[in-house]
Amino acid sequence: MSQQQKRENYDIISQLPMDLLSQLVSLLPLKEALKTSTLSKTWKMIWTTHTDIVCDISSVLGVLRDESGNVSLNVREEHRNQFIERVGHLMQQRLMGPNMRSIVISFPLSRKDGPHVARWVGDAVMKGVQTIILNLKGGSGIVSFPFSILRAPGQASKVRQLGLNSCSLKSLSVRNRTLDSLVNIHLQSVNLTDKQMDVILSKCFFLESLVLRKCCKLARFKLTSRNPRLKFLEIKSCLKLKNIQLYAESLEILEFDGLLDHFSCDHVPNLVQLFACVSGEKFVQFSTYALSRIAVDAPLLQTLNLQIHRVLPLPKGVFTFSNIKYLVLNLNPCDGEDELDWIRYILKAFPFLSRLQLDFSLVVPRNAGSTNQSHRGLAEVSHENLRELEVTGYYGGPGQVEAVKHLVDRAFKLDLLVISSPAKLYIGLREFIRVDLRNDNKSSSEKIEELRPVLPNSLRVDYCNL
């Protein structure tokens, strides 16, 4: 008996049922699954049962560095040609396997490579793919993505999730029937026009999640009752966006930033979480609305994260937020108001808060010994529900010490105080960066330590400095 025959006789794994082998291979990353094709004739095509195809520089070329970095043009072109050739061969083989679940193409391809991308995606659609993610950032020019390929001839589209980075859109019209199945859409650095956005919203009846980032042609966003299932909406870094209009029955989470001229939240009865960072001429109008009238328009709101980077006057009236449990706010009082005015307003307007986070980094210090005279006449208010207070951007000025003490004294159930000197600047509901905006001779630790004598011994205090 030859050595090869002996090895085959001892190849117990290859004797397993094909269905079981396919399940084992599907547990491997695609890069490792492809390696099994060299084991024997039995294993040669088993990898084609892999349901998730990930084509990036590491899995296809074995190169670990970022191809969009400082690599010579000749090397980049060589890698591009190799990538296109290998992915094309891989997709040809994969067509012989069963249905796919997802395809990810992550490589800096150029505008001229659009036909290759369209063919790969078209092949995946033929195999019933449900998730398509294209990250083409770093290539020369923008690859055009034809929406028409999302539906195979004679078949209903099965694509539920679409993610595009650094693409332009084509074949998108009101007669398009390729969008009916989409549930999640994520567009970043996509040349998306207002008209194209309207088409997407009008045709995606089952849309539940929409993310728009750096879509720099978008100037207007209007959401109507045509999207009854949309629950999550994020719009960030769309620099030309000036107008947002929302009528969204099912919307639960909203995150957005921008230089807005107009914002209307006509019907968001189920909104639960809101992150907003607005600048521009209408900054005061929107921020005041978010701290007052939105209590009526979004009665179920529980989390409000409002990033204020300019001077903001207190709202003229006090609206009661009956459901908000978590508030994040940058304090930046205008002339004639200070930290205590804002704290009185917060304690009165948000009686059911359990977590409060305030950033003091933009507050102009007042002189020691100066007294706060509230021009609003807001009465002192106690708070029965606040349990956790976080203060960032703390530099130990007289107004800050007084403000923290005021909060601690009036929050009867306060259990934890977290305090730090670096500012905590949020870019989303759960995304933030820490920045130390002040630089003086006295260390942050010393300033925070000076606060200790005015705090009750029973309070847990976490001094959280960098």
Protein backbone atom coordinates (compact mmCIF):
# COMPACT_ATOMS: atom_id res chain seq x y z
CA MET A 1 0.00 0.00 0.00
CA SER A 2 1.41 3.39 -0.99
CA GLN A 3 1.98 6.17 1.56
CA GLN A 4 -0.77 8.24 -0.09
CA GLN A 5 -3.27 5.38 0.26
CA LYS A 6 -2.29 4.98 3.90
CA ARG A 7 -2.89 8.71 4.53
CA GLU A 8 -6.28 8.53 2.82
CA ASN A 9 -7.23 5.48 4.89
CA TYR A 10 -6.40 7.41 8.06
CA ASP A 11 -8.24 10.56 6.87
CA ILE A 12 -11.16 9.95 9.19
CA ILE A 13 -12.51 13.51 8.89
CA SER A 14 -12.96 13.15 5.12
CA GLN A 15 -15.16 10.14 5.74
CA LEU A 16 -17.71 12.29 7.53
CA PRO A 17 -20.97 13.19 5.73
CA MET A 18 -20.63 16.13 3.34
CA ASP A 19 -23.27 18.14 5.22
CA LEU A 20 -21.27 17.87 8.43
CA LEU A 21 -18.02 18.84 6.67
CA SER A 22 -19.76 21.88 5.23
CA GLN A 23 -20.94 22.90 8.68
CA LEU A 24 -17.41 22.57 10.06
CA VAL A 25 -15.92 24.69 7.28
CA SER A 26 -18.62 27.33 7.70
CA LEU A 27 -17.36 27.92 11.24
CA LEU A 28 -13.96 29.03 9.88
CA PRO A 29 -13.13 32.53 8.62
CA LEU A 30 -13.24 32.56 4.81
CA LYS A 31 -9.45 32.90 4.61
CA GLU A 32 -9.01 29.66 6.56
CA ALA A 33 -11.88 27.93 4.77
CA LEU A 34 -10.17 28.54 1.42
CA LYS A 35 -7.05 26.76 2.66
CA THR A 36 -9.00 23.53 3.12
CA SER A 37 -9.35 23.26 -0.67
CA THR A 38 -5.71 22.10 -0.87
CA LEU A 39 -6.14 19.13 1.49
CA SER A 40 -7.53 16.63 -1.00
CA LYS A 41 -9.99 16.21 -3.86
CA THR A 42 -12.72 15.63 -1.30
CA TRP A 43 -12.06 19.01 0.29
CA LYS A 44 -11.47 20.99 -2.91
CA MET A 45 -14.96 22.48 -3.23
CA ILE A 46 -16.29 22.16 0.31
CA TRP A 47 -15.37 25.79 1.02
CA THR A 48 -17.98 26.90 -1.55
CA THR A 49 -20.66 26.06 1.01
CA HIS A 50 -19.36 28.95 3.15
CA THR A 51 -22.25 31.39 3.47
CA ASP A 52 -20.27 34.53 4.36
CA ILE A 53 -17.78 35.86 1.78
CA VAL A 54 -15.33 38.49 3.07
CA CYS A 55 -12.90 39.87 0.49
CA ASP A 56 -10.39 42.30 1.97
CA ILE A 57 -6.66 42.85 1.57
CA SER A 58 -5.80 40.32 4.28
CA SER A 59 -8.06 37.44 3.21
CA VAL A 60 -7.41 37.83 -0.53
CA LEU A 61 -3.79 39.01 -0.74
CA GLY A 62 -2.44 38.09 2.68
CA VAL A 63 -1.25 41.70 3.13
CA LEU A 64 -1.96 43.15 6.56
CA ARG A 65 -1.23 46.84 6.02
CA ASP A 66 -3.84 49.37 4.92
CA GLU A 67 -3.71 49.66 1.15
CA SER A 68 -4.93 53.27 1.23
CA GLY A 69 -1.81 54.37 3.16
CA ASN A 70 1.66 55.38 1.99
CA VAL A 71 2.21 52.64 -0.59
CA SER A 72 3.83 53.35 -3.95
CA LEU A 73 1.52 53.67 -6.95
CA ASN A 74 3.11 50.69 -8.68
CA VAL A 75 2.59 48.44 -5.67
CA ARG A 76 -0.98 49.64 -5.23
CA GLU A 77 -1.75 48.96 -8.89
CA GLU A 78 -0.21 45.50 -8.65
CA HIS A 79 -2.26 44.71 -5.56
CA ARG A 80 -5.41 46.06 -7.23
CA ASN A 81 -4.94 43.81 -10.26
CA GLN A 82 -4.26 40.78 -8.05
CA PHE A 83 -7.28 41.54 -5.88
CA ILE A 84 -9.62 41.82 -8.88
CA GLU A 85 -8.30 38.63 -10.45
CA ARG A 86 -8.51 36.56 -7.27
CA VAL A 87 -11.94 37.80 -6.21
CA GLY A 88 -13.24 37.13 -9.73
CA HIS A 89 -11.92 33.55 -9.58
CA LEU A 90 -13.28 33.09 -6.06
CA MET A 91 -16.77 34.26 -7.08
CA GLN A 92 -16.78 31.97 -10.12
CA GLN A 93 -16.13 28.99 -7.87
CA ARG A 94 -18.61 30.19 -5.26
CA LEU A 95 -21.38 30.16 -7.87
CA MET A 96 -21.13 26.37 -7.79
CA GLY A 97 -22.08 26.31 -4.10
CA PRO A 98 -25.41 26.81 -2.31
CA ASN A 99 -26.99 30.14 -1.37
CA MET A 100 -24.93 32.87 0.28
CA ARG A 101 -25.79 34.91 3.35
CA SER A 102 -23.43 37.89 3.04
CA ILE A 103 -20.69 39.42 0.91
CA VAL A 104 -18.19 42.04 2.06
CA ILE A 105 -15.81 43.78 -0.36
CA SER A 106 -13.32 46.01 1.47
CA PHE A 107 -10.57 47.36 -0.78
CA PRO A 108 -9.63 50.79 -2.30
CA LEU A 109 -10.97 50.15 -5.78
CA SER A 110 -11.14 52.83 -8.48
CA ARG A 111 -13.93 54.18 -10.67
CA LYS A 112 -12.85 51.98 -13.58
CA ASP A 113 -13.35 48.90 -11.40
CA GLY A 114 -17.11 49.47 -11.19
CA PRO A 115 -17.97 46.66 -13.67
CA HIS A 116 -16.02 44.14 -11.57
CA VAL A 117 -17.83 45.19 -8.40
CA ALA A 118 -21.19 45.02 -10.18
CA ARG A 119 -20.42 41.51 -11.43
CA TRP A 120 -19.39 40.23 -7.98
CA VAL A 121 -22.46 41.71 -6.33
CA GLY A 122 -24.66 40.40 -9.15
CA ASP A 123 -23.25 36.90 -8.63
CA ALA A 124 -23.99 37.15 -4.91
CA VAL A 125 -27.55 38.31 -5.61
CA MET A 126 -28.00 35.27 -7.88
CA LYS A 127 -27.12 33.14 -4.84
CA GLY A 128 -29.77 34.82 -2.68
CA VAL A 129 -27.41 37.02 -0.64
CA GLN A 130 -29.05 38.99 2.20
CA THR A 131 -26.22 41.33 3.26
CA ILE A 132 -24.03 43.41 0.92
CA ILE A 133 -21.27 45.64 2.31
CA LEU A 134 -18.91 47.56 0.03
CA ASN A 135 -16.11 49.60 1.61
CA LEU A 136 -14.15 51.06 -1.31
CA LYS A 137 -12.56 53.98 0.54
CA GLY A 138 -9.15 55.10 -0.70
CA GLY A 139 -9.48 54.31 -4.39
CA SER A 140 -9.04 56.70 -7.31
CA GLY A 141 -12.46 58.17 -8.06
CA ILE A 142 -15.85 56.97 -6.89
CA VAL A 143 -17.17 53.57 -7.93
CA SER A 144 -20.69 53.73 -9.35
CA PHE A 145 -23.11 51.29 -7.71
CA PRO A 146 -26.10 50.26 -9.87
CA PHE A 147 -29.15 49.55 -7.73
CA SER A 148 -30.60 47.45 -10.53
CA ILE A 149 -28.28 44.55 -9.63
CA LEU A 150 -29.97 44.05 -6.26
CA ARG A 151 -32.64 41.99 -7.99
CA ALA A 152 -31.85 38.93 -10.11
CA PRO A 153 -33.90 38.54 -13.32
CA GLY A 154 -37.22 36.86 -12.63
CA GLN A 155 -36.63 36.81 -8.86
CA ALA A 156 -37.67 38.94 -5.92
CA SER A 157 -34.79 40.69 -4.18
CA LYS A 158 -33.65 39.03 -0.95
CA VAL A 159 -31.16 41.74 0.07
CA ARG A 160 -32.04 42.99 3.56
CA GLN A 161 -28.89 44.90 4.53
CA LEU A 162 -26.91 47.27 2.29
CA GLY A 163 -23.76 49.14 3.34
CA LEU A 164 -21.88 51.40 0.91
CA ASN A 165 -18.73 53.44 1.57
CA SER A 166 -17.26 55.72 -1.13
CA CYS A 167 -19.73 55.04 -3.93
CA SER A 168 -22.08 56.92 -6.19
CA LEU A 169 -25.57 55.67 -6.97
CA LYS A 170 -27.12 54.91 -10.35
CA SER A 171 -30.18 53.12 -11.77
CA LEU A 172 -32.27 54.62 -8.97
CA SER A 173 -35.77 55.77 -9.93
CA VAL A 174 -39.33 55.66 -8.63
CA ARG A 175 -39.94 52.69 -10.95
CA ASN A 176 -37.14 50.74 -9.28
CA ARG A 177 -38.37 47.52 -7.64
CA THR A 178 -35.03 46.44 -6.20
CA LEU A 179 -35.43 48.22 -2.85
CA ASP A 180 -38.53 46.48 -1.54
CA SER A 181 -36.65 43.99 0.64
CA LEU A 182 -34.17 46.39 2.30
CA VAL A 183 -34.38 46.58 6.09
CA ASN A 184 -31.03 48.22 6.99
CA ILE A 185 -29.17 50.83 4.90
CA HIS A 186 -25.79 52.37 5.82
CA LEU A 187 -24.38 54.97 3.41
CA GLN A 188 -21.04 56.70 4.05
CA SER A 189 -19.22 59.07 1.69
CA VAL A 190 -21.88 58.36 -0.92
CA ASN A 191 -22.80 60.98 -3.53
CA LEU A 192 -26.43 60.92 -2.49
CA THR A 193 -28.74 63.63 -3.87
CA ASP A 194 -32.03 64.83 -2.38
CA LYS A 195 -33.95 63.17 -5.21
CA GLN A 196 -32.19 59.83 -4.69
CA MET A 197 -32.88 60.04 -0.96
CA ASP A 198 -36.57 60.61 -1.68
CA VAL A 199 -36.64 57.54 -3.96
CA ILE A 200 -34.99 55.35 -1.32
CA LEU A 201 -37.44 56.48 1.36
CA SER A 202 -40.44 56.06 -0.94
CA LYS A 203 -39.51 52.52 -2.04
CA CYS A 204 -38.10 50.99 1.15
CA PHE A 205 -41.38 50.12 2.85
CA PHE A 206 -39.73 47.69 5.30
CA LEU A 207 -36.82 49.95 6.29
CA GLU A 208 -36.01 49.74 10.02
CA SER A 209 -32.54 51.33 10.23
CA LEU A 210 -30.99 54.15 8.17
CA VAL A 211 -27.48 55.59 8.66
CA LEU A 212 -26.18 58.51 6.57
CA ARG A 213 -22.60 59.71 7.14
CA LYS A 214 -20.59 62.19 5.09
CA CYS A 215 -23.17 62.26 2.29
CA CYS A 216 -22.04 65.71 1.22
CA LYS A 217 -24.56 66.32 -1.58
CA LEU A 218 -27.58 65.85 0.66
CA ALA A 219 -29.26 69.18 1.46
CA ARG A 220 -32.74 68.11 2.59
CA PHE A 221 -34.08 65.08 4.46
CA LYS A 222 -37.82 64.53 4.72
CA LEU A 223 -39.21 61.46 6.43
CA THR A 224 -42.93 60.81 6.06
CA SER A 225 -45.48 58.16 6.93
CA ARG A 226 -44.24 56.05 3.99
CA ASN A 227 -41.70 54.42 6.32
CA PRO A 228 -43.88 53.03 9.11
CA ARG A 229 -41.23 50.59 10.39
CA LEU A 230 -38.21 52.89 10.70
CA LYS A 231 -36.88 52.65 14.26
CA PHE A 232 -33.29 53.92 14.01
CA LEU A 233 -32.08 57.03 12.15
CA GLU A 234 -28.56 58.49 12.16
CA ILE A 235 -27.50 61.51 10.09
CA LYS A 236 -23.97 62.80 10.72
CA SER A 237 -21.33 64.92 8.95
CA CYS A 238 -23.59 65.67 5.97
CA LEU A 239 -22.11 69.14 5.52
CA LYS A 240 -24.68 70.57 3.10
CA LEU A 241 -27.70 69.31 4.99
CA LYS A 242 -29.85 72.27 6.07
CA ASN A 243 -33.34 70.88 6.47
CA ILE A 244 -34.66 67.88 8.44
CA GLN A 245 -38.37 67.08 8.64
CA LEU A 246 -39.53 64.04 10.57
CA TYR A 247 -42.89 62.33 10.63
CA ALA A 248 -42.03 58.89 11.94
CA GLU A 249 -44.55 56.87 13.88
CA SER A 250 -42.16 54.07 14.90
CA LEU A 251 -38.87 55.99 15.26
CA GLU A 252 -37.21 55.09 18.58
CA ILE A 253 -33.59 56.28 18.25
CA LEU A 254 -32.43 59.48 16.51
CA GLU A 255 -28.83 60.71 16.21
CA PHE A 256 -27.86 63.72 14.10
CA ASP A 257 -25.54 66.69 13.81
CA GLY A 258 -25.14 69.53 11.37
CA LEU A 259 -25.53 73.17 10.39
CA LEU A 260 -29.30 73.16 10.19
CA ASP A 261 -31.59 75.99 9.10
CA HIS A 262 -34.77 74.05 9.77
CA PHE A 263 -35.70 71.11 11.98
CA SER A 264 -39.20 69.83 12.61
CA CYS A 265 -40.21 66.81 14.64
CA ASP A 266 -43.91 66.76 13.80
CA HIS A 267 -44.75 63.23 14.85
CA VAL A 268 -42.32 61.04 16.79
CA PRO A 269 -44.56 59.59 19.50
CA ASN A 270 -42.29 56.59 20.16
CA LEU A 271 -38.91 58.36 20.23
CA VAL A 272 -36.93 57.02 23.21
CA GLN A 273 -33.32 58.17 22.63
CA LEU A 274 -32.07 61.42 21.06
CA PHE A 275 -28.54 62.66 20.34
CA ALA A 276 -28.22 66.09 18.75
CA CYS A 277 -25.30 68.40 18.01
CA VAL A 278 -26.56 71.40 16.03
CA SER A 279 -24.70 74.55 15.02
CA GLY A 280 -25.43 77.34 12.57
CA GLU A 281 -27.88 80.23 12.74
CA LYS A 282 -30.73 78.12 14.14
CA PHE A 283 -28.61 76.69 16.96
CA VAL A 284 -30.41 78.56 19.75
CA GLN A 285 -33.83 77.82 18.31
CA PHE A 286 -33.24 74.08 18.08
CA SER A 287 -31.41 73.72 21.41
CA THR A 288 -34.16 75.62 23.21
CA TYR A 289 -36.73 73.38 21.53
CA ALA A 290 -34.82 70.24 22.60
CA LEU A 291 -34.90 71.44 26.22
CA SER A 292 -38.56 72.41 26.24
CA ARG A 293 -41.17 71.71 23.53
CA ILE A 294 -39.80 68.31 22.59
CA ALA A 295 -41.20 67.10 25.90
CA VAL A 296 -44.60 67.43 24.24
CA ASP A 297 -43.65 66.15 20.77
CA ALA A 298 -41.74 63.11 22.11
CA PRO A 299 -43.53 62.15 25.33
CA LEU A 300 -41.75 58.78 25.66
CA LEU A 301 -38.21 60.23 25.42
CA GLN A 302 -35.95 58.60 28.03
CA THR A 303 -32.42 59.61 26.94
CA LEU A 304 -31.46 63.11 25.79
CA ASN A 305 -27.84 63.87 24.80
CA LEU A 306 -27.57 67.49 23.71
CA GLN A 307 -24.13 68.78 22.72
CA ILE A 308 -23.98 72.57 23.08
CA HIS A 309 -20.78 74.24 21.90
CA ARG A 310 -22.00 77.85 21.94
CA VAL A 311 -23.58 80.18 24.49
CA LEU A 312 -27.20 79.20 25.09
CA PRO A 313 -29.85 81.08 27.10
CA LEU A 314 -32.22 79.17 29.34
CA PRO A 315 -35.60 78.30 27.81
CA LYS A 316 -38.24 80.87 28.76
CA GLY A 317 -40.71 78.35 30.11
CA VAL A 318 -40.22 75.19 32.14
CA PHE A 319 -41.58 72.08 30.41
CA THR A 320 -41.75 68.86 32.42
CA PHE A 321 -40.04 65.81 30.89
CA SER A 322 -41.99 63.02 32.51
CA ASN A 323 -39.98 60.06 31.14
CA ILE A 324 -36.36 61.17 30.72
CA LYS A 325 -34.06 59.08 32.90
CA TYR A 326 -30.67 60.04 31.41
CA LEU A 327 -29.57 63.56 30.43
CA VAL A 328 -26.19 64.58 28.94
CA LEU A 329 -25.63 68.33 28.58
CA ASN A 330 -22.79 70.78 27.96
CA LEU A 331 -23.34 73.86 30.12
CA ASN A 332 -22.55 77.16 28.41
CA PRO A 333 -24.59 79.90 30.12
CA CYS A 334 -25.11 83.30 28.52
CA ASP A 335 -24.52 86.65 30.26
CA GLY A 336 -26.67 87.10 33.34
CA GLU A 337 -26.97 83.35 33.92
CA ASP A 338 -24.62 80.80 35.41
CA GLU A 339 -24.33 77.18 36.41
CA LEU A 340 -26.84 77.43 39.25
CA ASP A 341 -29.53 78.86 36.98
CA TRP A 342 -29.14 75.86 34.70
CA ILE A 343 -29.07 73.38 37.56
CA ARG A 344 -32.30 74.78 39.01
CA TYR A 345 -33.88 74.46 35.57
CA ILE A 346 -32.67 70.86 35.14
CA LEU A 347 -33.90 69.76 38.57
CA LYS A 348 -37.32 71.26 37.88
CA ALA A 349 -37.76 70.20 34.22
CA PHE A 350 -36.41 66.65 34.63
CA PRO A 351 -37.92 65.34 37.88
CA PHE A 352 -37.47 61.64 37.00
CA LEU A 353 -33.78 61.70 36.09
CA SER A 354 -31.72 58.84 37.46
CA ARG A 355 -28.48 59.72 35.61
CA LEU A 356 -27.19 63.22 34.87
CA GLN A 357 -23.98 64.12 33.07
CA LEU A 358 -22.86 67.76 32.89
CA ASP A 359 -19.80 69.16 31.14
CA PHE A 360 -18.41 72.44 32.54
CA SER A 361 -15.47 72.88 30.15
CA LEU A 362 -17.07 75.80 28.26
CA VAL A 363 -18.31 77.72 31.31
CA VAL A 364 -16.59 81.10 31.77
CA PRO A 365 -15.16 81.19 35.32
CA ARG A 366 -16.47 83.87 37.68
CA ASN A 367 -14.40 85.46 40.39
CA ALA A 368 -14.16 83.94 43.82
CA GLY A 369 -16.49 85.66 46.27
CA SER A 370 -19.00 86.71 43.62
CA THR A 371 -22.56 85.68 44.35
CA ASN A 372 -25.04 84.18 42.00
CA GLN A 373 -28.21 86.22 41.58
CA SER A 374 -30.69 84.28 39.51
CA HIS A 375 -32.44 86.53 37.02
CA ARG A 376 -35.00 83.83 36.33
CA GLY A 377 -36.40 83.60 39.81
CA LEU A 378 -36.42 79.79 39.68
CA ALA A 379 -37.25 78.33 43.06
CA GLU A 380 -34.97 75.88 44.83
CA VAL A 381 -35.99 72.33 43.93
CA SER A 382 -35.15 69.01 45.53
CA HIS A 383 -34.78 65.85 43.47
CA GLU A 384 -36.04 62.45 44.55
CA ASN A 385 -34.74 60.18 41.76
CA LEU A 386 -31.20 61.21 40.77
CA ARG A 387 -28.77 58.44 41.71
CA GLU A 388 -25.74 59.01 39.49
CA LEU A 389 -24.08 62.34 38.66
CA GLU A 390 -21.09 62.74 36.33
CA VAL A 391 -19.28 66.07 36.03
CA THR A 392 -16.66 66.50 33.29
CA GLY A 393 -14.56 69.50 32.30
CA TYR A 394 -14.17 70.29 36.00
CA TYR A 395 -11.48 72.87 36.78
CA GLY A 396 -12.44 73.90 40.31
CA GLY A 397 -13.75 77.42 39.75
CA PRO A 398 -16.00 78.95 42.44
CA GLY A 399 -19.11 78.50 40.30
CA GLN A 400 -18.32 74.85 39.68
CA VAL A 401 -17.76 74.01 43.35
CA GLU A 402 -21.03 75.74 44.22
CA ALA A 403 -22.89 73.99 41.39
CA VAL A 404 -21.68 70.51 42.36
CA LYS A 405 -22.48 71.13 46.03
CA HIS A 406 -25.94 72.41 45.08
CA LEU A 407 -26.67 69.26 43.10
CA VAL A 408 -25.36 66.93 45.79
CA ASP A 409 -27.34 68.67 48.54
CA ARG A 410 -30.63 68.54 46.63
CA ALA A 411 -30.41 65.05 45.15
CA PHE A 412 -31.51 63.09 48.21
CA LYS A 413 -30.94 59.64 46.70
CA LEU A 414 -27.62 60.40 44.99
CA ASP A 415 -25.35 57.40 45.35
CA LEU A 416 -22.42 58.05 42.98
CA LEU A 417 -20.52 61.15 41.85
CA VAL A 418 -18.05 60.73 38.96
CA ILE A 419 -15.86 63.76 38.38
CA SER A 420 -13.02 64.50 35.94
CA SER A 421 -11.13 67.45 34.47
CA PRO A 422 -11.01 66.36 30.81
CA ALA A 423 -14.08 67.26 28.79
CA LYS A 424 -16.20 64.41 27.51
CA LEU A 425 -17.32 65.41 24.02
CA TYR A 426 -19.95 63.13 22.55
CA ILE A 427 -20.23 62.35 18.84
CA GLY A 428 -23.11 59.93 19.32
CA LEU A 429 -25.26 58.42 22.03
CA ARG A 430 -22.43 56.10 23.11
CA GLU A 431 -19.41 57.53 21.28
CA PHE A 432 -17.23 60.20 22.88
CA ILE A 433 -13.71 61.57 23.05
CA ARG A 434 -11.93 63.00 26.08
CA VAL A 435 -10.21 66.35 25.64
CA ASP A 436 -8.43 68.45 28.27
CA LEU A 437 -9.36 71.98 27.19
CA ARG A 438 -7.70 73.84 30.06
CA ASN A 439 -4.05 74.23 30.93
CA ASP A 440 -2.96 76.04 34.08
CA ASN A 441 -0.45 75.63 36.84
CA LYS A 442 -2.63 73.77 39.26
CA SER A 443 -3.03 70.09 38.53
CA SER A 444 -6.42 68.60 37.84
CA SER A 445 -6.02 66.20 40.75
CA GLU A 446 -5.46 69.06 43.21
CA LYS A 447 -8.57 70.89 42.02
CA ILE A 448 -10.71 67.81 42.40
CA GLU A 449 -9.26 67.05 45.84
CA GLU A 450 -10.31 70.53 47.02
CA LEU A 451 -13.91 69.49 46.40
CA ARG A 452 -13.79 66.60 48.86
CA PRO A 453 -14.46 68.63 52.09
CA VAL A 454 -17.83 69.89 50.81
CA LEU A 455 -19.11 66.41 49.91
CA PRO A 456 -20.89 64.08 52.35
CA ASN A 457 -18.86 61.10 53.55
CA SER A 458 -21.64 58.69 52.58
CA LEU A 459 -21.41 59.62 48.89
CA ARG A 460 -19.37 57.33 46.64
CA VAL A 461 -16.97 59.50 44.61
CA ASP A 462 -14.98 58.38 41.58
CA TYR A 463 -12.22 60.79 40.57
CA CYS A 464 -11.85 59.78 36.94
CA ASN A 465 -8.90 61.67 35.42
CA LEU A 466 -6.74 60.61 32.50
